[in-house]
Amino acid sequence: MLLDNVSVKSINLSGNGFVDADAKRLADALANNYRLKDLDLSHNQFCDTGGEHLGQMLGKTVDVAGSH
């Protein structure tokens, strides 16, 4: 679903028990979504590797210019 919908602006995936492998799949699914403004991944089980996957994706897709 996320691979086909590149206009999603807000996603709440809090508390789903996601692990690093899920972070990689999620990062791949969101890699072409340039409209995402709000992503809640709190209360999951990501470690350093998962954070790296998500951080790289967010660095490429999210425009933080003007953020406060």
Protein backbone atom coordinates (compact mmCIF):
# COMPACT_ATOMS: atom_id res chain seq x y z
CA MET A 1 0.00 0.00 0.00
CA LEU A 2 2.73 2.51 0.91
CA LEU A 3 4.72 1.67 -2.21
CA ASP A 4 1.81 2.77 -4.39
CA ASN A 5 0.67 5.77 -2.36
CA VAL A 6 3.33 8.48 -2.49
CA SER A 7 1.04 11.24 -1.21
CA VAL A 8 0.56 10.04 2.39
CA LYS A 9 1.22 12.97 4.73
CA SER A 10 0.78 11.38 8.16
CA ILE A 11 1.41 7.84 9.43
CA ASN A 12 1.00 6.54 12.98
CA LEU A 13 2.72 3.18 13.43
CA SER A 14 3.27 3.53 17.16
CA GLY A 15 3.36 0.40 19.30
CA ASN A 16 3.48 -2.22 16.56
CA GLY A 17 6.51 -4.11 17.87
CA PHE A 18 8.51 -3.32 14.75
CA VAL A 19 12.16 -4.45 14.72
CA ASP A 20 15.15 -3.51 12.53
CA ALA A 21 14.04 -5.67 9.58
CA ASP A 22 10.67 -3.89 9.62
CA ALA A 23 12.44 -0.53 9.64
CA LYS A 24 14.27 -1.50 6.44
CA ARG A 25 11.01 -2.51 4.73
CA LEU A 26 9.30 0.66 5.92
CA ALA A 27 12.20 2.83 4.72
CA ASP A 28 12.04 1.16 1.31
CA ALA A 29 8.27 1.66 1.14
CA LEU A 30 8.51 5.36 2.00
CA ALA A 31 11.60 6.15 -0.07
CA ASN A 32 9.61 7.89 -2.81
CA ASN A 33 7.13 9.71 -0.60
CA TYR A 34 8.11 13.37 -0.57
CA ARG A 35 4.88 14.58 1.08
CA LEU A 36 5.31 12.85 4.44
CA LYS A 37 5.15 15.40 7.25
CA ASP A 38 4.35 13.29 10.33
CA LEU A 39 5.68 9.80 11.11
CA ASP A 40 5.09 8.31 14.57
CA LEU A 41 7.20 5.21 15.19
CA SER A 42 7.30 5.48 18.98
CA HIS A 43 7.08 2.40 21.19
CA ASN A 44 8.63 0.02 18.67
CA GLN A 45 11.77 -2.10 19.03
CA PHE A 46 14.18 -0.54 16.56
CA CYS A 47 17.89 -0.62 17.38
CA ASP A 48 20.79 1.18 15.72
CA THR A 49 20.42 -0.60 12.38
CA GLY A 50 16.72 0.20 12.11
CA GLY A 51 17.40 3.80 13.02
CA GLU A 52 20.05 4.03 10.32
CA HIS A 53 17.66 2.75 7.65
CA LEU A 54 14.95 5.19 8.69
CA GLY A 55 17.36 8.09 9.12
CA GLN A 56 18.79 7.64 5.64
CA MET A 57 15.31 7.53 4.12
CA LEU A 58 14.15 10.59 6.05
CA GLY A 59 17.29 12.49 5.08
CA LYS A 60 16.42 11.98 1.42
CA THR A 61 12.66 12.52 1.54
CA VAL A 62 11.82 15.03 4.27
CA ASP A 63 12.39 18.74 3.77
CA VAL A 64 13.22 20.18 7.18
CA ALA A 65 13.92 23.69 5.90
CA GLY A 66 12.04 26.16 8.06
CA SER A 67 11.29 23.59 10.76
CA HIS A 68 11.43 24.86 14.32
